[in-house]
Each structure stands twice: as structure tokens, then as C-alpha cells.
Amino acid sequence: MALTKQHMEAIQMLVYEKMQKQEIAEKLGVSRTTFSLWQRREDFQEALNAEMHRAFQPLAYKARQRLNDLIDSRNEQVALAASKDALDRAGYGATQKVENTITNKEINIEITGD
């Protein structure tokens, strides 16, 4: 079953109007239960995720630009923190150091980030 105009209105309200679920249900003239059932639908979730993605595209661009500016900061701590954040987000995070100690049949594992 395809999404209706009412479903799409609900998605718009969720993304752009910061309305509570009960408020959305009331505004659309459906019960809270019906609205919850809509939200569980795979096609509703896909449409909601797509709309969220569209809504955040301009912000993502601005955030990337800001991160670029911070990487070039004259403050070394700011530049380093921004660089680490960019690398982490790109999947190039620092590897974790794992240390094992065995004492009297007890195993202690300490994980620290570098």
C-alpha cells in the first residue's frame, strides 16, 4: 500500500514542525494508535529517513565547512581536536591499545584510546 497524502503530512510535521506525536495525530484526525502503526511501516520509515536526509543536507555542508575552518585554526588544540574528529568520522580513528594481565587465574583487560 502506497503512502497517502496524510502520511506525507505526518512526515513533514515530524521533520520540520517539532510536533509531538499526539499533536500530529490530533491535527491529522487519527488516533495515536493509528499514527503509531504508520510509524512502524517500512515505507513510512524510508520516507521519513529520506526527508530527514534532505532536511540536513544544507547543515551537513555547513558543518563540513566549519570543520575545515577549525582544522586550520591557529590554536593547536582546536586544530588537533577537529582533525581527530574528521578522521574518526571518516573511519580513520585511532586504534585502541589493549593490555592483558593474568594474575592468580584472574584476567584483567584494560582498553585505552590513544
PDB file of N, CA and C in Angstrom:
ATOM      1  N   MET A   1       0.835  -1.175   0.000  1.00  0.00           N
ATOM      2  CA  MET A   1       0.000   0.000   0.000  1.00  0.00           C
ATOM      3  C   MET A   1       0.887   1.247   0.000  1.00  0.00           C
ATOM      4  N   ALA A   2       0.631   2.159  -0.895  1.00  0.00           N
ATOM      5  CA  ALA A   2       1.433   3.379  -1.019  1.00  0.00           C
ATOM      6  C   ALA A   2       1.101   4.364   0.100  1.00  0.00           C
ATOM      7  N   LEU A   3       2.059   5.231   0.375  1.00  0.00           N
ATOM      8  CA  LEU A   3       1.831   6.270   1.374  1.00  0.00           C
ATOM      9  C   LEU A   3       0.819   7.277   0.840  1.00  0.00           C
ATOM     10  N   THR A   4      -0.037   7.734   1.722  1.00  0.00           N
ATOM     11  CA  THR A   4      -1.075   8.699   1.353  1.00  0.00           C
ATOM     12  C   THR A   4      -0.585  10.116   1.620  1.00  0.00           C
ATOM     13  N   LYS A   5      -1.397  11.080   1.216  1.00  0.00           N
ATOM     14  CA  LYS A   5      -1.103  12.478   1.490  1.00  0.00           C
ATOM     15  C   LYS A   5      -1.019  12.708   3.002  1.00  0.00           C
ATOM     16  N   GLN A   6      -1.869  12.026   3.752  1.00  0.00           N
ATOM     17  CA  GLN A   6      -1.871  12.146   5.217  1.00  0.00           C
ATOM     18  C   GLN A   6      -0.552  11.638   5.812  1.00  0.00           C
ATOM     19  N   HIS A   7      -0.053  10.524   5.281  1.00  0.00           N
ATOM     20  CA  HIS A   7       1.238  10.008   5.743  1.00  0.00           C
ATOM     21  C   HIS A   7       2.346  11.037   5.490  1.00  0.00           C
ATOM     22  N   MET A   8       2.332  11.618   4.293  1.00  0.00           N
ATOM     23  CA  MET A   8       3.369  12.584   3.937  1.00  0.00           C
ATOM     24  C   MET A   8       3.264  13.851   4.792  1.00  0.00           C
ATOM     25  N   GLU A   9       2.040  14.259   5.124  1.00  0.00           N
ATOM     26  CA  GLU A   9       1.859  15.402   6.025  1.00  0.00           C
ATOM     27  C   GLU A   9       2.446  15.084   7.398  1.00  0.00           C
ATOM     28  N   ALA A  10       2.235  13.871   7.869  1.00  0.00           N
ATOM     29  CA  ALA A  10       2.781  13.462   9.166  1.00  0.00           C
ATOM     30  C   ALA A  10       4.305  13.516   9.146  1.00  0.00           C
ATOM     31  N   ILE A  11       4.889  13.053   8.058  1.00  0.00           N
ATOM     32  CA  ILE A  11       6.351  13.071   7.923  1.00  0.00           C
ATOM     33  C   ILE A  11       6.856  14.515   7.948  1.00  0.00           C
ATOM     34  N   GLN A  12       6.188  15.407   7.241  1.00  0.00           N
ATOM     35  CA  GLN A  12       6.581  16.816   7.231  1.00  0.00           C
ATOM     36  C   GLN A  12       6.522  17.404   8.644  1.00  0.00           C
ATOM     37  N   MET A  13       5.478  17.061   9.381  1.00  0.00           N
ATOM     38  CA  MET A  13       5.340  17.573  10.749  1.00  0.00           C
ATOM     39  C   MET A  13       6.432  17.028  11.660  1.00  0.00           C
ATOM     40  N   LEU A  14       6.770  15.761  11.490  1.00  0.00           N
ATOM     41  CA  LEU A  14       7.829  15.165  12.306  1.00  0.00           C
ATOM     42  C   LEU A  14       9.177  15.829  12.041  1.00  0.00           C
ATOM     43  N   VAL A  15       9.454  16.105  10.790  1.00  0.00           N
ATOM     44  CA  VAL A  15      10.769  16.630  10.421  1.00  0.00           C
ATOM     45  C   VAL A  15      10.884  18.130  10.664  1.00  0.00           C
ATOM     46  N   TYR A  16       9.867  18.881  10.284  1.00  0.00           N
ATOM     47  CA  TYR A  16      10.009  20.334  10.257  1.00  0.00           C
ATOM     48  C   TYR A  16       9.294  21.102  11.354  1.00  0.00           C
ATOM     49  N   GLU A  17       8.286  20.517  11.973  1.00  0.00           N
ATOM     50  CA  GLU A  17       7.485  21.295  12.912  1.00  0.00           C
ATOM     51  C   GLU A  17       7.705  20.958  14.377  1.00  0.00           C
ATOM     52  N   LYS A  18       8.560  19.997  14.677  1.00  0.00           N
ATOM     53  CA  LYS A  18       8.873  19.631  16.067  1.00  0.00           C
ATOM     54  C   LYS A  18       7.625  19.377  16.899  1.00  0.00           C
ATOM     55  N   MET A  19       6.643  18.763  16.282  1.00  0.00           N
ATOM     56  CA  MET A  19       5.398  18.470  16.997  1.00  0.00           C
ATOM     57  C   MET A  19       5.500  17.118  17.687  1.00  0.00           C
ATOM     58  N   GLN A  20       4.804  16.982  18.794  1.00  0.00           N
ATOM     59  CA  GLN A  20       4.708  15.710  19.490  1.00  0.00           C
ATOM     60  C   GLN A  20       3.799  14.778  18.684  1.00  0.00           C
ATOM     61  N   LYS A  21       3.998  13.494  18.851  1.00  0.00           N
ATOM     62  CA  LYS A  21       3.229  12.510  18.094  1.00  0.00           C
ATOM     63  C   LYS A  21       1.734  12.635  18.338  1.00  0.00           C
ATOM     64  N   GLN A  22       1.349  12.883  19.568  1.00  0.00           N
ATOM     65  CA  GLN A  22      -0.069  13.047  19.885  1.00  0.00           C
ATOM     66  C   GLN A  22      -0.646  14.260  19.158  1.00  0.00           C
ATOM     67  N   GLU A  23       0.111  15.345  19.111  1.00  0.00           N
ATOM     68  CA  GLU A  23      -0.339  16.551  18.408  1.00  0.00           C
ATOM     69  C   GLU A  23      -0.534  16.277  16.914  1.00  0.00           C
ATOM     70  N   ILE A  24       0.399  15.537  16.336  1.00  0.00           N
ATOM     71  CA  ILE A  24       0.309  15.208  14.908  1.00  0.00           C
ATOM     72  C   ILE A  24      -0.937  14.375  14.645  1.00  0.00           C
ATOM     73  N   ALA A  25      -1.145  13.361  15.477  1.00  0.00           N
ATOM     74  CA  ALA A  25      -2.330  12.502  15.313  1.00  0.00           C
ATOM     75  C   ALA A  25      -3.609  13.336  15.386  1.00  0.00           C
ATOM     76  N   GLU A  26      -3.681  14.217  16.365  1.00  0.00           N
ATOM     77  CA  GLU A  26      -4.866  15.063  16.522  1.00  0.00           C
ATOM     78  C   GLU A  26      -5.056  15.976  15.318  1.00  0.00           C
ATOM     79  N   LYS A  27      -3.986  16.594  14.858  1.00  0.00           N
ATOM     80  CA  LYS A  27      -4.073  17.508  13.724  1.00  0.00           C
ATOM     81  C   LYS A  27      -4.527  16.782  12.452  1.00  0.00           C
ATOM     82  N   LEU A  28      -4.116  15.522  12.311  1.00  0.00           N
ATOM     83  CA  LEU A  28      -4.494  14.745  11.132  1.00  0.00           C
ATOM     84  C   LEU A  28      -5.830  14.022  11.306  1.00  0.00           C
ATOM     85  N   GLY A  29      -6.387  14.072  12.513  1.00  0.00           N
ATOM     86  CA  GLY A  29      -7.675  13.448  12.762  1.00  0.00           C
ATOM     87  C   GLY A  29      -7.627  11.936  12.852  1.00  0.00           C
ATOM     88  N   VAL A  30      -6.502  11.415  13.354  1.00  0.00           N
ATOM     89  CA  VAL A  30      -6.374   9.969  13.550  1.00  0.00           C
ATOM     90  C   VAL A  30      -6.025   9.698  15.007  1.00  0.00           C
ATOM     91  N   SER A  31      -6.201   8.468  15.411  1.00  0.00           N
ATOM     92  CA  SER A  31      -5.861   8.117  16.793  1.00  0.00           C
ATOM     93  C   SER A  31      -4.345   7.981  16.946  1.00  0.00           C
ATOM     94  N   ARG A  32      -3.905   8.057  18.173  1.00  0.00           N
ATOM     95  CA  ARG A  32      -2.469   7.866  18.477  1.00  0.00           C
ATOM     96  C   ARG A  32      -2.041   6.469  18.051  1.00  0.00           C
ATOM     97  N   THR A  33      -2.914   5.486  18.212  1.00  0.00           N
ATOM     98  CA  THR A  33      -2.614   4.105  17.813  1.00  0.00           C
ATOM     99  C   THR A  33      -2.404   4.009  16.302  1.00  0.00           C
ATOM    100  N   THR A  34      -3.283   4.655  15.546  1.00  0.00           N
ATOM    101  CA  THR A  34      -3.146   4.652  14.087  1.00  0.00           C
ATOM    102  C   THR A  34      -1.831   5.289  13.674  1.00  0.00           C
ATOM    103  N   PHE A  35      -1.512   6.419  14.311  1.00  0.00           N
ATOM    104  CA  PHE A  35      -0.254   7.091  13.986  1.00  0.00           C
ATOM    105  C   PHE A  35       0.938   6.189  14.304  1.00  0.00           C
ATOM    106  N   SER A  36       0.887   5.488  15.424  1.00  0.00           N
ATOM    107  CA  SER A  36       1.963   4.561  15.790  1.00  0.00           C
ATOM    108  C   SER A  36       2.098   3.439  14.763  1.00  0.00           C
ATOM    109  N   LEU A  37       0.971   2.957  14.272  1.00  0.00           N
ATOM    110  CA  LEU A  37       1.011   1.912  13.235  1.00  0.00           C
ATOM    111  C   LEU A  37       1.659   2.439  11.955  1.00  0.00           C
ATOM    112  N   TRP A  38       1.361   3.675  11.594  1.00  0.00           N
ATOM    113  CA  TRP A  38       2.000   4.273  10.430  1.00  0.00           C
ATOM    114  C   TRP A  38       3.513   4.289  10.599  1.00  0.00           C
ATOM    115  N   GLN A  39       3.945   4.699  11.780  1.00  0.00           N
ATOM    116  CA  GLN A  39       5.380   4.827  12.034  1.00  0.00           C
ATOM    117  C   GLN A  39       6.119   3.499  11.962  1.00  0.00           C
ATOM    118  N   ARG A  40       5.434   2.416  12.173  1.00  0.00           N
ATOM    119  CA  ARG A  40       6.060   1.093  12.120  1.00  0.00           C
ATOM    120  C   ARG A  40       6.199   0.568  10.695  1.00  0.00           C
ATOM    121  N   ARG A  41       5.499   1.186   9.770  1.00  0.00           N
ATOM    122  CA  ARG A  41       5.548   0.749   8.383  1.00  0.00           C
ATOM    123  C   ARG A  41       6.931   1.015   7.793  1.00  0.00           C
ATOM    124  N   GLU A  42       7.422   0.047   7.049  1.00  0.00           N
ATOM    125  CA  GLU A  42       8.743   0.188   6.433  1.00  0.00           C
ATOM    126  C   GLU A  42       8.767   1.348   5.441  1.00  0.00           C
ATOM    127  N   ASP A  43       7.724   1.482   4.619  1.00  0.00           N
ATOM    128  CA  ASP A  43       7.705   2.575   3.642  1.00  0.00           C
ATOM    129  C   ASP A  43       7.611   3.943   4.315  1.00  0.00           C
ATOM    130  N   PHE A  44       6.925   4.025   5.451  1.00  0.00           N
ATOM    131  CA  PHE A  44       6.848   5.280   6.210  1.00  0.00           C
ATOM    132  C   PHE A  44       8.235   5.627   6.742  1.00  0.00           C
ATOM    133  N   GLN A  45       8.921   4.641   7.308  1.00  0.00           N
ATOM    134  CA  GLN A  45      10.264   4.872   7.845  1.00  0.00           C
ATOM    135  C   GLN A  45      11.239   5.284   6.744  1.00  0.00           C
ATOM    136  N   GLU A  46      11.144   4.651   5.595  1.00  0.00           N
ATOM    137  CA  GLU A  46      12.018   5.005   4.469  1.00  0.00           C
ATOM    138  C   GLU A  46      11.767   6.441   4.022  1.00  0.00           C
ATOM    139  N   ALA A  47      10.497   6.817   3.908  1.00  0.00           N
ATOM    140  CA  ALA A  47      10.157   8.189   3.508  1.00  0.00           C
ATOM    141  C   ALA A  47      10.597   9.199   4.570  1.00  0.00           C
ATOM    142  N   LEU A  48      10.438   8.848   5.851  1.00  0.00           N
ATOM    143  CA  LEU A  48      10.866   9.723   6.942  1.00  0.00           C
ATOM    144  C   LEU A  48      12.380   9.909   6.911  1.00  0.00           C
ATOM    145  N   ASN A  49      13.109   8.820   6.749  1.00  0.00           N
ATOM    146  CA  ASN A  49      14.574   8.905   6.688  1.00  0.00           C
ATOM    147  C   ASN A  49      15.038   9.729   5.494  1.00  0.00           C
ATOM    148  N   ALA A  50      14.379   9.558   4.356  1.00  0.00           N
ATOM    149  CA  ALA A  50      14.731  10.334   3.159  1.00  0.00           C
ATOM    150  C   ALA A  50      14.487  11.823   3.388  1.00  0.00           C
ATOM    151  N   GLU A  51      13.380  12.154   4.032  1.00  0.00           N
ATOM    152  CA  GLU A  51      13.072  13.564   4.303  1.00  0.00           C
ATOM    153  C   GLU A  51      14.052  14.150   5.307  1.00  0.00           C
ATOM    154  N   MET A  52      14.420  13.379   6.323  1.00  0.00           N
ATOM    155  CA  MET A  52      15.419  13.836   7.297  1.00  0.00           C
ATOM    156  C   MET A  52      16.744  14.103   6.581  1.00  0.00           C
ATOM    157  N   HIS A  53      17.100  13.216   5.681  1.00  0.00           N
ATOM    158  CA  HIS A  53      18.345  13.385   4.919  1.00  0.00           C
ATOM    159  C   HIS A  53      18.293  14.674   4.099  1.00  0.00           C
ATOM    160  N   ARG A  54      17.179  14.901   3.413  1.00  0.00           N
ATOM    161  CA  ARG A  54      17.018  16.137   2.624  1.00  0.00           C
ATOM    162  C   ARG A  54      17.093  17.371   3.518  1.00  0.00           C
ATOM    163  N   ALA A  55      16.479  17.297   4.686  1.00  0.00           N
ATOM    164  CA  ALA A  55      16.449  18.437   5.596  1.00  0.00           C
ATOM    165  C   ALA A  55      17.842  18.781   6.133  1.00  0.00           C
ATOM    166  N   PHE A  56      18.692  17.775   6.302  1.00  0.00           N
ATOM    167  CA  PHE A  56      20.003  18.008   6.904  1.00  0.00           C
ATOM    168  C   PHE A  56      21.120  18.232   5.892  1.00  0.00           C
ATOM    169  N   GLN A  57      20.857  18.075   4.607  1.00  0.00           N
ATOM    170  CA  GLN A  57      21.901  18.272   3.612  1.00  0.00           C
ATOM    171  C   GLN A  57      22.560  19.645   3.708  1.00  0.00           C
ATOM    172  N   PRO A  58      21.787  20.741   3.763  1.00  0.00           N
ATOM    173  CA  PRO A  58      22.440  22.056   3.862  1.00  0.00           C
ATOM    174  C   PRO A  58      23.261  22.208   5.142  1.00  0.00           C
ATOM    175  N   LEU A  59      22.775  21.632   6.233  1.00  0.00           N
ATOM    176  CA  LEU A  59      23.512  21.717   7.504  1.00  0.00           C
ATOM    177  C   LEU A  59      24.798  20.905   7.447  1.00  0.00           C
ATOM    178  N   ALA A  60      24.751  19.769   6.786  1.00  0.00           N
ATOM    179  CA  ALA A  60      25.946  18.922   6.672  1.00  0.00           C
ATOM    180  C   ALA A  60      27.037  19.663   5.908  1.00  0.00           C
ATOM    181  N   TYR A  61      26.653  20.359   4.859  1.00  0.00           N
ATOM    182  CA  TYR A  61      27.635  21.132   4.093  1.00  0.00           C
ATOM    183  C   TYR A  61      28.265  22.207   4.974  1.00  0.00           C
ATOM    184  N   LYS A  62      27.433  22.947   5.714  1.00  0.00           N
ATOM    185  CA  LYS A  62      27.949  23.988   6.603  1.00  0.00           C
ATOM    186  C   LYS A  62      28.844  23.401   7.689  1.00  0.00           C
ATOM    187  N   ALA A  63      28.446  22.253   8.215  1.00  0.00           N
ATOM    188  CA  ALA A  63      29.244  21.613   9.268  1.00  0.00           C
ATOM    189  C   ALA A  63      30.608  21.176   8.731  1.00  0.00           C
ATOM    190  N   ARG A  64      30.625  20.637   7.524  1.00  0.00           N
ATOM    191  CA  ARG A  64      31.910  20.239   6.919  1.00  0.00           C
ATOM    192  C   ARG A  64      32.794  21.466   6.705  1.00  0.00           C
ATOM    193  N   GLN A  65      32.200  22.562   6.242  1.00  0.00           N
ATOM    194  CA  GLN A  65      32.967  23.789   6.046  1.00  0.00           C
ATOM    195  C   GLN A  65      33.534  24.292   7.373  1.00  0.00           C
ATOM    196  N   ARG A  66      32.709  24.244   8.417  1.00  0.00           N
ATOM    197  CA  ARG A  66      33.158  24.699   9.742  1.00  0.00           C
ATOM    198  C   ARG A  66      34.295  23.823  10.250  1.00  0.00           C
ATOM    199  N   LEU A  67      34.176  22.518  10.053  1.00  0.00           N
ATOM    200  CA  LEU A  67      35.229  21.601  10.471  1.00  0.00           C
ATOM    201  C   LEU A  67      36.522  21.898   9.721  1.00  0.00           C
ATOM    202  N   ASN A  68      36.409  22.197   8.428  1.00  0.00           N
ATOM    203  CA  ASN A  68      37.596  22.582   7.656  1.00  0.00           C
ATOM    204  C   ASN A  68      38.250  23.819   8.253  1.00  0.00           C
ATOM    205  N   ASP A  69      37.432  24.803   8.624  1.00  0.00           N
ATOM    206  CA  ASP A  69      37.969  26.022   9.236  1.00  0.00           C
ATOM    207  C   ASP A  69      38.663  25.721  10.561  1.00  0.00           C
ATOM    208  N   LEU A  70      38.064  24.853  11.363  1.00  0.00           N
ATOM    209  CA  LEU A  70      38.660  24.507  12.653  1.00  0.00           C
ATOM    210  C   LEU A  70      39.973  23.752  12.490  1.00  0.00           C
ATOM    211  N   ILE A  71      40.068  22.922  11.472  1.00  0.00           N
ATOM    212  CA  ILE A  71      41.317  22.198  11.218  1.00  0.00           C
ATOM    213  C   ILE A  71      42.450  23.182  10.936  1.00  0.00           C
ATOM    214  N   ASP A  72      42.126  24.311  10.319  1.00  0.00           N
ATOM    215  CA  ASP A  72      43.127  25.334  10.002  1.00  0.00           C
ATOM    216  C   ASP A  72      43.306  26.361  11.119  1.00  0.00           C
ATOM    217  N   SER A  73      42.736  26.104  12.282  1.00  0.00           N
ATOM    218  CA  SER A  73      42.814  27.040  13.405  1.00  0.00           C
ATOM    219  C   SER A  73      44.258  27.294  13.829  1.00  0.00           C
ATOM    220  N   ARG A  74      44.507  28.495  14.310  1.00  0.00           N
ATOM    221  CA  ARG A  74      45.831  28.818  14.858  1.00  0.00           C
ATOM    222  C   ARG A  74      46.037  28.176  16.221  1.00  0.00           C
ATOM    223  N   ASN A  75      44.948  27.843  16.881  1.00  0.00           N
ATOM    224  CA  ASN A  75      45.019  27.164  18.177  1.00  0.00           C
ATOM    225  C   ASN A  75      45.278  25.682  17.916  1.00  0.00           C
ATOM    226  N   GLU A  76      46.421  25.206  18.329  1.00  0.00           N
ATOM    227  CA  GLU A  76      46.826  23.826  18.049  1.00  0.00           C
ATOM    228  C   GLU A  76      45.863  22.800  18.641  1.00  0.00           C
ATOM    229  N   GLN A  77      45.337  23.065  19.838  1.00  0.00           N
ATOM    230  CA  GLN A  77      44.402  22.119  20.459  1.00  0.00           C
ATOM    231  C   GLN A  77      43.117  22.020  19.654  1.00  0.00           C
ATOM    232  N   VAL A  78      42.621  23.140  19.181  1.00  0.00           N
ATOM    233  CA  VAL A  78      41.405  23.155  18.371  1.00  0.00           C
ATOM    234  C   VAL A  78      41.652  22.427  17.060  1.00  0.00           C
ATOM    235  N   ALA A  79      42.775  22.725  16.409  1.00  0.00           N
ATOM    236  CA  ALA A  79      43.104  22.087  15.128  1.00  0.00           C
ATOM    237  C   ALA A  79      43.256  20.576  15.295  1.00  0.00           C
ATOM    238  N   LEU A  80      43.905  20.154  16.364  1.00  0.00           N
ATOM    239  CA  LEU A  80      44.098  18.727  16.603  1.00  0.00           C
ATOM    240  C   LEU A  80      42.766  18.034  16.880  1.00  0.00           C
ATOM    241  N   ALA A  81      41.936  18.637  17.723  1.00  0.00           N
ATOM    242  CA  ALA A  81      40.632  18.046  18.032  1.00  0.00           C
ATOM    243  C   ALA A  81      39.772  17.942  16.773  1.00  0.00           C
ATOM    244  N   ALA A  82      39.777  18.976  15.942  1.00  0.00           N
ATOM    245  CA  ALA A  82      39.000  18.958  14.704  1.00  0.00           C
ATOM    246  C   ALA A  82      39.534  17.893  13.745  1.00  0.00           C
ATOM    247  N   SER A  83      40.837  17.777  13.672  1.00  0.00           N
ATOM    248  CA  SER A  83      41.444  16.766  12.795  1.00  0.00           C
ATOM    249  C   SER A  83      41.082  15.360  13.250  1.00  0.00           C
ATOM    250  N   LYS A  84      41.171  15.111  14.564  1.00  0.00           N
ATOM    251  CA  LYS A  84      40.795  13.800  15.095  1.00  0.00           C
ATOM    252  C   LYS A  84      39.329  13.498  14.816  1.00  0.00           C
ATOM    253  N   ASP A  85      38.467  14.499  15.002  1.00  0.00           N
ATOM    254  CA  ASP A  85      37.043  14.307  14.759  1.00  0.00           C
ATOM    255  C   ASP A  85      36.792  13.967  13.292  1.00  0.00           C
ATOM    256  N   ALA A  86      37.428  14.697  12.394  1.00  0.00           N
ATOM    257  CA  ALA A  86      37.253  14.434  10.958  1.00  0.00           C
ATOM    258  C   ALA A  86      37.725  13.026  10.603  1.00  0.00           C
ATOM    259  N   LEU A  87      38.856  12.624  11.134  1.00  0.00           N
ATOM    260  CA  LEU A  87      39.374  11.282  10.853  1.00  0.00           C
ATOM    261  C   LEU A  87      38.471  10.200  11.436  1.00  0.00           C
ATOM    262  N   ASP A  88      37.984  10.408  12.659  1.00  0.00           N
ATOM    263  CA  ASP A  88      37.063   9.449  13.274  1.00  0.00           C
ATOM    264  C   ASP A  88      35.810   9.277  12.429  1.00  0.00           C
ATOM    265  N   ARG A  89      35.243  10.390  11.985  1.00  0.00           N
ATOM    266  CA  ARG A  89      34.016  10.341  11.188  1.00  0.00           C
ATOM    267  C   ARG A  89      34.238   9.686   9.832  1.00  0.00           C
ATOM    268  N   ALA A  90      35.461   9.788   9.325  1.00  0.00           N
ATOM    269  CA  ALA A  90      35.779   9.179   8.032  1.00  0.00           C
ATOM    270  C   ALA A  90      36.191   7.714   8.181  1.00  0.00           C
ATOM    271  N   GLY A  91      36.207   7.227   9.422  1.00  0.00           N
ATOM    272  CA  GLY A  91      36.558   5.828   9.646  1.00  0.00           C
ATOM    273  C   GLY A  91      38.038   5.571   9.842  1.00  0.00           C
ATOM    274  N   TYR A  92      38.803   6.644  10.062  1.00  0.00           N
ATOM    275  CA  TYR A  92      40.242   6.505  10.267  1.00  0.00           C
ATOM    276  C   TYR A  92      40.630   6.789  11.705  1.00  0.00           C
ATOM    277  N   GLY A  93      39.769   6.396  12.655  1.00  0.00           N
ATOM    278  CA  GLY A  93      40.030   6.647  14.065  1.00  0.00           C
ATOM    279  C   GLY A  93      41.260   5.918  14.555  1.00  0.00           C
ATOM    280  N   ALA A  94      41.797   6.407  15.646  1.00  0.00           N
ATOM    281  CA  ALA A  94      42.979   5.784  16.247  1.00  0.00           C
ATOM    282  C   ALA A  94      42.646   4.380  16.706  1.00  0.00           C
ATOM    283  N   THR A  95      43.586   3.480  16.554  1.00  0.00           N
ATOM    284  CA  THR A  95      43.375   2.117  17.024  1.00  0.00           C
ATOM    285  C   THR A  95      43.434   2.099  18.540  1.00  0.00           C
ATOM    286  N   GLN A  96      42.736   1.154  19.131  1.00  0.00           N
ATOM    287  CA  GLN A  96      42.725   1.051  20.583  1.00  0.00           C
ATOM    288  C   GLN A  96      43.872   0.163  21.042  1.00  0.00           C
ATOM    289  N   LYS A  97      44.439   0.529  22.167  1.00  0.00           N
ATOM    290  CA  LYS A  97      45.513  -0.241  22.769  1.00  0.00           C
ATOM    291  C   LYS A  97      44.882  -1.180  23.786  1.00  0.00           C
ATOM    292  N   VAL A  98      45.154  -2.469  23.665  1.00  0.00           N
ATOM    293  CA  VAL A  98      44.585  -3.454  24.568  1.00  0.00           C
ATOM    294  C   VAL A  98      45.721  -4.100  25.347  1.00  0.00           C
ATOM    295  N   GLU A  99      45.585  -4.085  26.666  1.00  0.00           N
ATOM    296  CA  GLU A  99      46.589  -4.708  27.525  1.00  0.00           C
ATOM    297  C   GLU A  99      45.928  -5.805  28.340  1.00  0.00           C
ATOM    298  N   ASN A 100      46.549  -6.968  28.400  1.00  0.00           N
ATOM    299  CA  ASN A 100      46.044  -8.095  29.176  1.00  0.00           C
ATOM    300  C   ASN A 100      47.017  -8.389  30.315  1.00  0.00           C
ATOM    301  N   THR A 101      46.476  -8.647  31.465  1.00  0.00           N
ATOM    302  CA  THR A 101      47.276  -9.050  32.612  1.00  0.00           C
ATOM    303  C   THR A 101      46.612 -10.260  33.239  1.00  0.00           C
ATOM    304  N   ILE A 102      47.387 -11.349  33.439  1.00  0.00           N
ATOM    305  CA  ILE A 102      46.842 -12.549  34.065  1.00  0.00           C
ATOM    306  C   ILE A 102      47.507 -12.700  35.430  1.00  0.00           C
ATOM    307  N   THR A 103      46.684 -12.728  36.484  1.00  0.00           N
ATOM    308  CA  THR A 103      47.177 -12.853  37.834  1.00  0.00           C
ATOM    309  C   THR A 103      46.269 -13.796  38.615  1.00  0.00           C
ATOM    310  N   ASN A 104      46.823 -14.869  39.185  1.00  0.00           N
ATOM    311  CA  ASN A 104      46.066 -15.811  40.001  1.00  0.00           C
ATOM    312  C   ASN A 104      44.722 -16.197  39.365  1.00  0.00           C
ATOM    313  N   LYS A 105      44.768 -16.671  38.162  1.00  0.00           N
ATOM    314  CA  LYS A 105      43.592 -17.118  37.421  1.00  0.00           C
ATOM    315  C   LYS A 105      42.573 -16.008  37.154  1.00  0.00           C
ATOM    316  N   GLU A 106      42.982 -14.795  37.344  1.00  0.00           N
ATOM    317  CA  GLU A 106      42.110 -13.659  37.106  1.00  0.00           C
ATOM    318  C   GLU A 106      42.617 -12.932  35.866  1.00  0.00           C
ATOM    319  N   ILE A 107      41.733 -12.546  34.995  1.00  0.00           N
ATOM    320  CA  ILE A 107      42.140 -11.833  33.779  1.00  0.00           C
ATOM    321  C   ILE A 107      41.611 -10.403  33.864  1.00  0.00           C
ATOM    322  N   ASN A 108      42.533  -9.463  33.758  1.00  0.00           N
ATOM    323  CA  ASN A 108      42.155  -8.046  33.753  1.00  0.00           C
ATOM    324  C   ASN A 108      42.475  -7.505  32.366  1.00  0.00           C
ATOM    325  N   ILE A 109      41.506  -6.865  31.759  1.00  0.00           N
ATOM    326  CA  ILE A 109      41.705  -6.275  30.437  1.00  0.00           C
ATOM    327  C   ILE A 109      41.464  -4.779  30.535  1.00  0.00           C
ATOM    328  N   GLU A 110      42.432  -4.015  30.083  1.00  0.00           N
ATOM    329  CA  GLU A 110      42.306  -2.567  30.098  1.00  0.00           C
ATOM    330  C   GLU A 110      42.353  -2.073  28.655  1.00  0.00           C
ATOM    331  N   ILE A 111      41.359  -1.297  28.257  1.00  0.00           N
ATOM    332  CA  ILE A 111      41.313  -0.744  26.919  1.00  0.00           C
ATOM    333  C   ILE A 111      41.414   0.752  27.039  1.00  0.00           C
ATOM    334  N   THR A 112      42.411   1.315  26.378  1.00  0.00           N
ATOM    335  CA  THR A 112      42.591   2.763  26.411  1.00  0.00           C
ATOM    336  C   THR A 112      42.728   3.265  24.988  1.00  0.00           C
ATOM    337  N   GLY A 113      42.233   4.440  24.727  1.00  0.00           N
ATOM    338  CA  GLY A 113      42.395   5.075  23.409  1.00  0.00           C
ATOM    339  C   GLY A 113      43.630   5.953  23.435  1.00  0.00           C
ATOM    340  N   ASP A 114      44.306   6.027  22.314  1.00  0.00           N
ATOM    341  CA  ASP A 114      45.487   6.903  22.220  1.00  0.00           C
ATOM    342  C   ASP A 114      45.096   8.252  21.724  1.00  0.00           C
TER     343      ASP A 114
END
